[in-house]
């Protein structure tokens, strides 16, 4: 009987938990925290099977170093 009561009690919180997870994903997207995961998904879709255009998969540290270099190299001004 207690197992059924616990299952009902946890199901009440499922929409709240789902909303918190969506908010957390949104925060990660906005802040750029999920950039490496998006890079991995892109690499698997577009570069994994390439033999002629072999793009090496970067580890997390190398990816972030390349991103910092890409963002901050060059002229950064509005006019």
PDB file of N, CA and C in Angstrom:
ATOM      1  N   UNK A   1       0.824  -1.187   0.000  1.00  0.00           N
ATOM      2  CA  UNK A   1       0.000   0.000   0.000  1.00  0.00           C
ATOM      3  C   UNK A   1       0.872   1.256   0.000  1.00  0.00           C
ATOM      4  N   UNK A   2       1.978   1.224   0.766  1.00  0.00           N
ATOM      5  CA  UNK A   2       2.856   2.388   0.819  1.00  0.00           C
ATOM      6  C   UNK A   2       3.501   2.667  -0.533  1.00  0.00           C
ATOM      7  N   UNK A   3       3.830   1.631  -1.293  1.00  0.00           N
ATOM      8  CA  UNK A   3       4.451   1.827  -2.603  1.00  0.00           C
ATOM      9  C   UNK A   3       3.510   2.575  -3.531  1.00  0.00           C
ATOM     10  N   UNK A   4       2.245   2.237  -3.512  1.00  0.00           N
ATOM     11  CA  UNK A   4       1.266   2.928  -4.351  1.00  0.00           C
ATOM     12  C   UNK A   4       1.106   4.375  -3.916  1.00  0.00           C
ATOM     13  N   UNK A   5       1.117   4.623  -2.633  1.00  0.00           N
ATOM     14  CA  UNK A   5       0.992   5.994  -2.123  1.00  0.00           C
ATOM     15  C   UNK A   5       2.211   6.824  -2.532  1.00  0.00           C
ATOM     16  N   UNK A   6       3.392   6.228  -2.470  1.00  0.00           N
ATOM     17  CA  UNK A   6       4.597   6.943  -2.895  1.00  0.00           C
ATOM     18  C   UNK A   6       4.571   7.245  -4.386  1.00  0.00           C
ATOM     19  N   UNK A   7       4.068   6.324  -5.192  1.00  0.00           N
ATOM     20  CA  UNK A   7       4.007   6.538  -6.634  1.00  0.00           C
ATOM     21  C   UNK A   7       3.067   7.690  -6.963  1.00  0.00           C
ATOM     22  N   UNK A   8       1.971   7.776  -6.250  1.00  0.00           N
ATOM     23  CA  UNK A   8       1.021   8.862  -6.474  1.00  0.00           C
ATOM     24  C   UNK A   8       1.624  10.182  -6.018  1.00  0.00           C
ATOM     25  N   UNK A   9       2.296  10.178  -4.891  1.00  0.00           N
ATOM     26  CA  UNK A   9       2.866  11.402  -4.343  1.00  0.00           C
ATOM     27  C   UNK A   9       3.961  11.942  -5.271  1.00  0.00           C
ATOM     28  N   UNK A  10       4.796  11.080  -5.838  1.00  0.00           N
ATOM     29  CA  UNK A  10       5.855  11.541  -6.735  1.00  0.00           C
ATOM     30  C   UNK A  10       5.290  12.028  -8.064  1.00  0.00           C
ATOM     31  N   UNK A  11       4.173  11.464  -8.504  1.00  0.00           N
ATOM     32  CA  UNK A  11       3.616  11.887  -9.783  1.00  0.00           C
ATOM     33  C   UNK A  11       3.079  13.316  -9.715  1.00  0.00           C
ATOM     34  N   UNK A  12       2.769  13.800  -8.546  1.00  0.00           N
ATOM     35  CA  UNK A  12       2.303  15.176  -8.387  1.00  0.00           C
ATOM     36  C   UNK A  12       3.425  16.149  -8.735  1.00  0.00           C
ATOM     37  N   UNK A  13       4.651  15.790  -8.442  1.00  0.00           N
ATOM     38  CA  UNK A  13       5.787  16.674  -8.654  1.00  0.00           C
ATOM     39  C   UNK A  13       6.405  16.556 -10.047  1.00  0.00           C
ATOM     40  N   UNK A  14       5.950  15.617 -10.852  1.00  0.00           N
ATOM     41  CA  UNK A  14       6.532  15.424 -12.172  1.00  0.00           C
ATOM     42  C   UNK A  14       6.469  16.671 -13.052  1.00  0.00           C
ATOM     43  N   UNK A  15       5.340  17.393 -13.139  1.00  0.00           N
ATOM     44  CA  UNK A  15       5.339  18.611 -13.960  1.00  0.00           C
ATOM     45  C   UNK A  15       6.318  19.676 -13.447  1.00  0.00           C
ATOM     46  N   UNK A  16       6.456  19.789 -12.156  1.00  0.00           N
ATOM     47  CA  UNK A  16       7.390  20.746 -11.572  1.00  0.00           C
ATOM     48  C   UNK A  16       8.830  20.368 -11.914  1.00  0.00           C
ATOM     49  N   UNK A  17       9.150  19.103 -11.802  1.00  0.00           N
ATOM     50  CA  UNK A  17      10.487  18.628 -12.131  1.00  0.00           C
ATOM     51  C   UNK A  17      10.775  18.836 -13.611  1.00  0.00           C
ATOM     52  N   UNK A  18       9.790  18.571 -14.467  1.00  0.00           N
ATOM     53  CA  UNK A  18       9.971  18.778 -15.902  1.00  0.00           C
ATOM     54  C   UNK A  18      10.215  20.259 -16.204  1.00  0.00           C
ATOM     55  N   UNK A  19       9.504  21.153 -15.531  1.00  0.00           N
ATOM     56  CA  UNK A  19       9.682  22.579 -15.744  1.00  0.00           C
ATOM     57  C   UNK A  19      11.066  23.036 -15.273  1.00  0.00           C
ATOM     58  N   UNK A  20      11.524  22.522 -14.151  1.00  0.00           N
ATOM     59  CA  UNK A  20      12.860  22.868 -13.644  1.00  0.00           C
ATOM     60  C   UNK A  20      13.927  22.398 -14.620  1.00  0.00           C
ATOM     61  N   UNK A  21      13.779  21.200 -15.175  1.00  0.00           N
ATOM     62  CA  UNK A  21      14.748  20.685 -16.152  1.00  0.00           C
ATOM     63  C   UNK A  21      14.769  21.543 -17.411  1.00  0.00           C
ATOM     64  N   UNK A  22      13.595  21.971 -17.901  1.00  0.00           N
ATOM     65  CA  UNK A  22      13.537  22.838 -19.077  1.00  0.00           C
ATOM     66  C   UNK A  22      14.208  24.175 -18.796  1.00  0.00           C
ATOM     67  N   UNK A  23      13.961  24.732 -17.612  1.00  0.00           N
ATOM     68  CA  UNK A  23      14.604  25.999 -17.246  1.00  0.00           C
ATOM     69  C   UNK A  23      16.114  25.835 -17.168  1.00  0.00           C
ATOM     70  N   UNK A  24      16.568  24.721 -16.612  1.00  0.00           N
ATOM     71  CA  UNK A  24      18.004  24.475 -16.502  1.00  0.00           C
ATOM     72  C   UNK A  24      18.636  24.358 -17.887  1.00  0.00           C
ATOM     73  N   UNK A  25      17.968  23.644 -18.821  1.00  0.00           N
ATOM     74  CA  UNK A  25      18.479  23.543 -20.189  1.00  0.00           C
ATOM     75  C   UNK A  25      18.545  24.913 -20.853  1.00  0.00           C
ATOM     76  N   UNK A  26      17.527  25.743 -20.624  1.00  0.00           N
ATOM     77  CA  UNK A  26      17.508  27.083 -21.194  1.00  0.00           C
ATOM     78  C   UNK A  26      18.658  27.924 -20.644  1.00  0.00           C
ATOM     79  N   UNK A  27      18.905  27.841 -19.360  1.00  0.00           N
ATOM     80  CA  UNK A  27      20.019  28.582 -18.747  1.00  0.00           C
ATOM     81  C   UNK A  27      21.343  28.124 -19.349  1.00  0.00           C
ATOM     82  N   UNK A  28      21.504  26.823 -19.550  1.00  0.00           N
ATOM     83  CA  UNK A  28      22.739  26.303 -20.139  1.00  0.00           C
ATOM     84  C   UNK A  28      22.930  26.782 -21.573  1.00  0.00           C
ATOM     85  N   UNK A  29      21.841  26.856 -22.346  1.00  0.00           N
ATOM     86  CA  UNK A  29      21.923  27.332 -23.729  1.00  0.00           C
ATOM     87  C   UNK A  29      22.291  28.808 -23.747  1.00  0.00           C
ATOM     88  N   UNK A  30      21.621  29.610 -22.938  1.00  0.00           N
ATOM     89  CA  UNK A  30      21.870  31.046 -22.921  1.00  0.00           C
ATOM     90  C   UNK A  30      23.298  31.355 -22.473  1.00  0.00           C
ATOM     91  N   UNK A  31      23.771  30.652 -21.479  1.00  0.00           N
ATOM     92  CA  UNK A  31      25.112  30.921 -20.950  1.00  0.00           C
ATOM     93  C   UNK A  31      26.219  30.300 -21.794  1.00  0.00           C
ATOM     94  N   UNK A  32      25.885  29.377 -22.688  1.00  0.00           N
ATOM     95  CA  UNK A  32      26.895  28.710 -23.503  1.00  0.00           C
ATOM     96  C   UNK A  32      27.521  27.516 -22.820  1.00  0.00           C
ATOM     97  N   UNK A  33      26.964  27.108 -21.710  1.00  0.00           N
ATOM     98  CA  UNK A  33      27.513  25.984 -20.958  1.00  0.00           C
ATOM     99  C   UNK A  33      27.364  24.666 -21.706  1.00  0.00           C
ATOM    100  N   UNK A  34      26.402  24.578 -22.602  1.00  0.00           N
ATOM    101  CA  UNK A  34      26.184  23.344 -23.350  1.00  0.00           C
ATOM    102  C   UNK A  34      26.889  23.348 -24.705  1.00  0.00           C
ATOM    103  N   UNK A  35      27.801  24.262 -24.925  1.00  0.00           N
ATOM    104  CA  UNK A  35      28.455  24.397 -26.229  1.00  0.00           C
ATOM    105  C   UNK A  35      29.212  23.134 -26.620  1.00  0.00           C
ATOM    106  N   UNK A  36      29.891  22.502 -25.686  1.00  0.00           N
ATOM    107  CA  UNK A  36      30.652  21.295 -26.025  1.00  0.00           C
ATOM    108  C   UNK A  36      29.722  20.148 -26.403  1.00  0.00           C
ATOM    109  N   UNK A  37      28.598  20.005 -25.698  1.00  0.00           N
ATOM    110  CA  UNK A  37      27.645  18.953 -26.043  1.00  0.00           C
ATOM    111  C   UNK A  37      27.048  19.200 -27.430  1.00  0.00           C
ATOM    112  N   UNK A  38      26.758  20.469 -27.759  1.00  0.00           N
ATOM    113  CA  UNK A  38      26.257  20.788 -29.097  1.00  0.00           C
ATOM    114  C   UNK A  38      27.322  20.523 -30.152  1.00  0.00           C
ATOM    115  N   UNK A  39      28.584  20.813 -29.834  1.00  0.00           N
ATOM    116  CA  UNK A  39      29.690  20.520 -30.750  1.00  0.00           C
ATOM    117  C   UNK A  39      29.789  19.016 -31.011  1.00  0.00           C
ATOM    118  N   UNK A  40      29.690  18.210 -29.975  1.00  0.00           N
ATOM    119  CA  UNK A  40      29.754  16.753 -30.146  1.00  0.00           C
ATOM    120  C   UNK A  40      28.616  16.251 -31.027  1.00  0.00           C
ATOM    121  N   UNK A  41      27.405  16.754 -30.808  1.00  0.00           N
ATOM    122  CA  UNK A  41      26.267  16.334 -31.626  1.00  0.00           C
ATOM    123  C   UNK A  41      26.474  16.746 -33.082  1.00  0.00           C
ATOM    124  N   UNK A  42      26.969  17.953 -33.310  1.00  0.00           N
ATOM    125  CA  UNK A  42      27.239  18.411 -34.678  1.00  0.00           C
ATOM    126  C   UNK A  42      28.318  17.551 -35.324  1.00  0.00           C
ATOM    127  N   UNK A  43      29.383  17.274 -34.601  1.00  0.00           N
ATOM    128  CA  UNK A  43      30.482  16.476 -35.153  1.00  0.00           C
ATOM    129  C   UNK A  43      30.003  15.080 -35.530  1.00  0.00           C
ATOM    130  N   UNK A  44      29.182  14.474 -34.683  1.00  0.00           N
ATOM    131  CA  UNK A  44      28.677  13.134 -34.978  1.00  0.00           C
ATOM    132  C   UNK A  44      27.770  13.132 -36.199  1.00  0.00           C
ATOM    133  N   UNK A  45      26.953  14.197 -36.362  1.00  0.00           N
ATOM    134  CA  UNK A  45      26.055  14.263 -37.512  1.00  0.00           C
ATOM    135  C   UNK A  45      26.790  14.543 -38.810  1.00  0.00           C
ATOM    136  N   UNK A  46      27.793  15.428 -38.771  1.00  0.00           N
ATOM    137  CA  UNK A  46      28.357  15.941 -40.018  1.00  0.00           C
ATOM    138  C   UNK A  46      29.784  15.493 -40.329  1.00  0.00           C
ATOM    139  N   UNK A  47      30.570  15.118 -39.358  1.00  0.00           N
ATOM    140  CA  UNK A  47      31.992  14.868 -39.600  1.00  0.00           C
ATOM    141  C   UNK A  47      32.465  13.474 -39.223  1.00  0.00           C
ATOM    142  N   UNK A  48      31.655  12.683 -38.599  1.00  0.00           N
ATOM    143  CA  UNK A  48      32.109  11.395 -38.085  1.00  0.00           C
ATOM    144  C   UNK A  48      32.525  10.445 -39.201  1.00  0.00           C
ATOM    145  N   UNK A  49      31.762  10.383 -40.291  1.00  0.00           N
ATOM    146  CA  UNK A  49      32.060   9.429 -41.349  1.00  0.00           C
ATOM    147  C   UNK A  49      32.922   9.986 -42.455  1.00  0.00           C
ATOM    148  N   UNK A  50      33.324  11.255 -42.368  1.00  0.00           N
ATOM    149  CA  UNK A  50      34.114  11.870 -43.429  1.00  0.00           C
ATOM    150  C   UNK A  50      35.512  11.270 -43.474  1.00  0.00           C
ATOM    151  N   UNK A  51      35.908  10.838 -44.661  1.00  0.00           N
ATOM    152  CA  UNK A  51      37.270  10.336 -44.825  1.00  0.00           C
ATOM    153  C   UNK A  51      38.134  11.366 -45.526  1.00  0.00           C
ATOM    154  N   UNK A  52      37.567  12.086 -46.497  1.00  0.00           N
ATOM    155  CA  UNK A  52      38.337  13.095 -47.222  1.00  0.00           C
ATOM    156  C   UNK A  52      38.443  14.401 -46.448  1.00  0.00           C
ATOM    157  N   UNK A  53      37.423  14.718 -45.680  1.00  0.00           N
ATOM    158  CA  UNK A  53      37.404  15.953 -44.896  1.00  0.00           C
ATOM    159  C   UNK A  53      37.485  15.587 -43.416  1.00  0.00           C
ATOM    160  N   UNK A  54      38.517  14.875 -43.057  1.00  0.00           N
ATOM    161  CA  UNK A  54      38.649  14.359 -41.696  1.00  0.00           C
ATOM    162  C   UNK A  54      38.887  15.497 -40.707  1.00  0.00           C
ATOM    163  N   UNK A  55      37.838  15.851 -39.978  1.00  0.00           N
ATOM    164  CA  UNK A  55      37.934  16.854 -38.931  1.00  0.00           C
ATOM    165  C   UNK A  55      38.115  16.121 -37.615  1.00  0.00           C
ATOM    166  N   UNK A  56      39.224  16.366 -36.926  1.00  0.00           N
ATOM    167  CA  UNK A  56      39.444  15.628 -35.681  1.00  0.00           C
ATOM    168  C   UNK A  56      38.481  16.082 -34.583  1.00  0.00           C
ATOM    169  N   UNK A  57      38.083  15.155 -33.758  1.00  0.00           N
ATOM    170  CA  UNK A  57      37.219  15.458 -32.630  1.00  0.00           C
ATOM    171  C   UNK A  57      38.070  16.067 -31.524  1.00  0.00           C
ATOM    172  N   UNK A  58      37.666  17.234 -31.048  1.00  0.00           N
ATOM    173  CA  UNK A  58      38.406  17.908 -29.987  1.00  0.00           C
ATOM    174  C   UNK A  58      37.911  17.444 -28.629  1.00  0.00           C
ATOM    175  N   UNK A  59      38.824  17.342 -27.679  1.00  0.00           N
ATOM    176  CA  UNK A  59      38.394  17.083 -26.316  1.00  0.00           C
ATOM    177  C   UNK A  59      37.864  18.390 -25.729  1.00  0.00           C
ATOM    178  N   UNK A  60      37.272  18.322 -24.550  1.00  0.00           N
ATOM    179  CA  UNK A  60      36.615  19.480 -23.938  1.00  0.00           C
ATOM    180  C   UNK A  60      37.583  20.651 -23.747  1.00  0.00           C
ATOM    181  N   UNK A  61      38.779  20.380 -23.265  1.00  0.00           N
ATOM    182  CA  UNK A  61      39.749  21.441 -23.000  1.00  0.00           C
ATOM    183  C   UNK A  61      40.191  22.115 -24.302  1.00  0.00           C
ATOM    184  N   UNK A  62      40.470  21.334 -25.330  1.00  0.00           N
ATOM    185  CA  UNK A  62      40.874  21.887 -26.623  1.00  0.00           C
ATOM    186  C   UNK A  62      39.742  22.672 -27.268  1.00  0.00           C
ATOM    187  N   UNK A  63      38.520  22.184 -27.122  1.00  0.00           N
ATOM    188  CA  UNK A  63      37.367  22.881 -27.679  1.00  0.00           C
ATOM    189  C   UNK A  63      37.216  24.265 -27.048  1.00  0.00           C
ATOM    190  N   UNK A  64      37.308  24.331 -25.730  1.00  0.00           N
ATOM    191  CA  UNK A  64      37.137  25.619 -25.056  1.00  0.00           C
ATOM    192  C   UNK A  64      38.280  26.573 -25.393  1.00  0.00           C
ATOM    193  N   UNK A  65      39.484  26.058 -25.536  1.00  0.00           N
ATOM    194  CA  UNK A  65      40.605  26.911 -25.939  1.00  0.00           C
ATOM    195  C   UNK A  65      40.379  27.460 -27.347  1.00  0.00           C
ATOM    196  N   UNK A  66      39.895  26.626 -28.266  1.00  0.00           N
ATOM    197  CA  UNK A  66      39.617  27.072 -29.628  1.00  0.00           C
ATOM    198  C   UNK A  66      38.480  28.086 -29.656  1.00  0.00           C
ATOM    199  N   UNK A  67      37.470  27.899 -28.833  1.00  0.00           N
ATOM    200  CA  UNK A  67      36.349  28.841 -28.765  1.00  0.00           C
ATOM    201  C   UNK A  67      36.796  30.195 -28.226  1.00  0.00           C
ATOM    202  N   UNK A  68      37.627  30.198 -27.212  1.00  0.00           N
ATOM    203  CA  UNK A  68      38.135  31.459 -26.670  1.00  0.00           C
ATOM    204  C   UNK A  68      38.970  32.177 -27.726  1.00  0.00           C
ATOM    205  N   UNK A  69      39.794  31.437 -28.429  1.00  0.00           N
ATOM    206  CA  UNK A  69      40.602  32.026 -29.500  1.00  0.00           C
ATOM    207  C   UNK A  69      39.711  32.598 -30.596  1.00  0.00           C
ATOM    208  N   UNK A  70      38.679  31.857 -30.988  1.00  0.00           N
ATOM    209  CA  UNK A  70      37.778  32.315 -32.041  1.00  0.00           C
ATOM    210  C   UNK A  70      37.022  33.571 -31.623  1.00  0.00           C
ATOM    211  N   UNK A  71      36.550  33.592 -30.371  1.00  0.00           N
ATOM    212  CA  UNK A  71      35.760  34.731 -29.903  1.00  0.00           C
ATOM    213  C   UNK A  71      36.568  36.003 -29.740  1.00  0.00           C
ATOM    214  N   UNK A  72      37.799  35.886 -29.286  1.00  0.00           N
ATOM    215  CA  UNK A  72      38.539  37.069 -28.894  1.00  0.00           C
ATOM    216  C   UNK A  72      39.638  37.453 -29.869  1.00  0.00           C
ATOM    217  N   UNK A  73      39.784  36.762 -30.975  1.00  0.00           N
ATOM    218  CA  UNK A  73      40.785  37.189 -31.963  1.00  0.00           C
ATOM    219  C   UNK A  73      40.097  38.107 -32.977  1.00  0.00           C
ATOM    220  N   UNK A  74      40.854  39.044 -33.478  1.00  0.00           N
ATOM    221  CA  UNK A  74      40.308  39.974 -34.464  1.00  0.00           C
ATOM    222  C   UNK A  74      39.805  41.254 -33.819  1.00  0.00           C
ATOM    223  N   UNK A  75      39.235  42.094 -34.621  1.00  0.00           N
ATOM    224  CA  UNK A  75      38.732  43.397 -34.163  1.00  0.00           C
ATOM    225  C   UNK A  75      37.368  43.205 -33.522  1.00  0.00           C
ATOM    226  N   UNK A  76      37.219  43.724 -32.321  1.00  0.00           N
ATOM    227  CA  UNK A  76      35.960  43.648 -31.596  1.00  0.00           C
ATOM    228  C   UNK A  76      35.494  45.055 -31.266  1.00  0.00           C
ATOM    229  N   UNK A  77      34.851  45.690 -32.224  1.00  0.00           N
ATOM    230  CA  UNK A  77      34.292  47.010 -31.973  1.00  0.00           C
ATOM    231  C   UNK A  77      33.078  47.202 -32.862  1.00  0.00           C
ATOM    232  N   UNK A  78      32.290  48.186 -32.559  1.00  0.00           N
ATOM    233  CA  UNK A  78      31.052  48.382 -33.288  1.00  0.00           C
ATOM    234  C   UNK A  78      31.223  49.248 -34.523  1.00  0.00           C
ATOM    235  N   UNK A  79      32.222  50.149 -34.562  1.00  0.00           N
ATOM    236  CA  UNK A  79      32.376  51.029 -35.724  1.00  0.00           C
ATOM    237  C   UNK A  79      33.822  51.374 -35.991  1.00  0.00           C
TER     238      UNK A  79
END
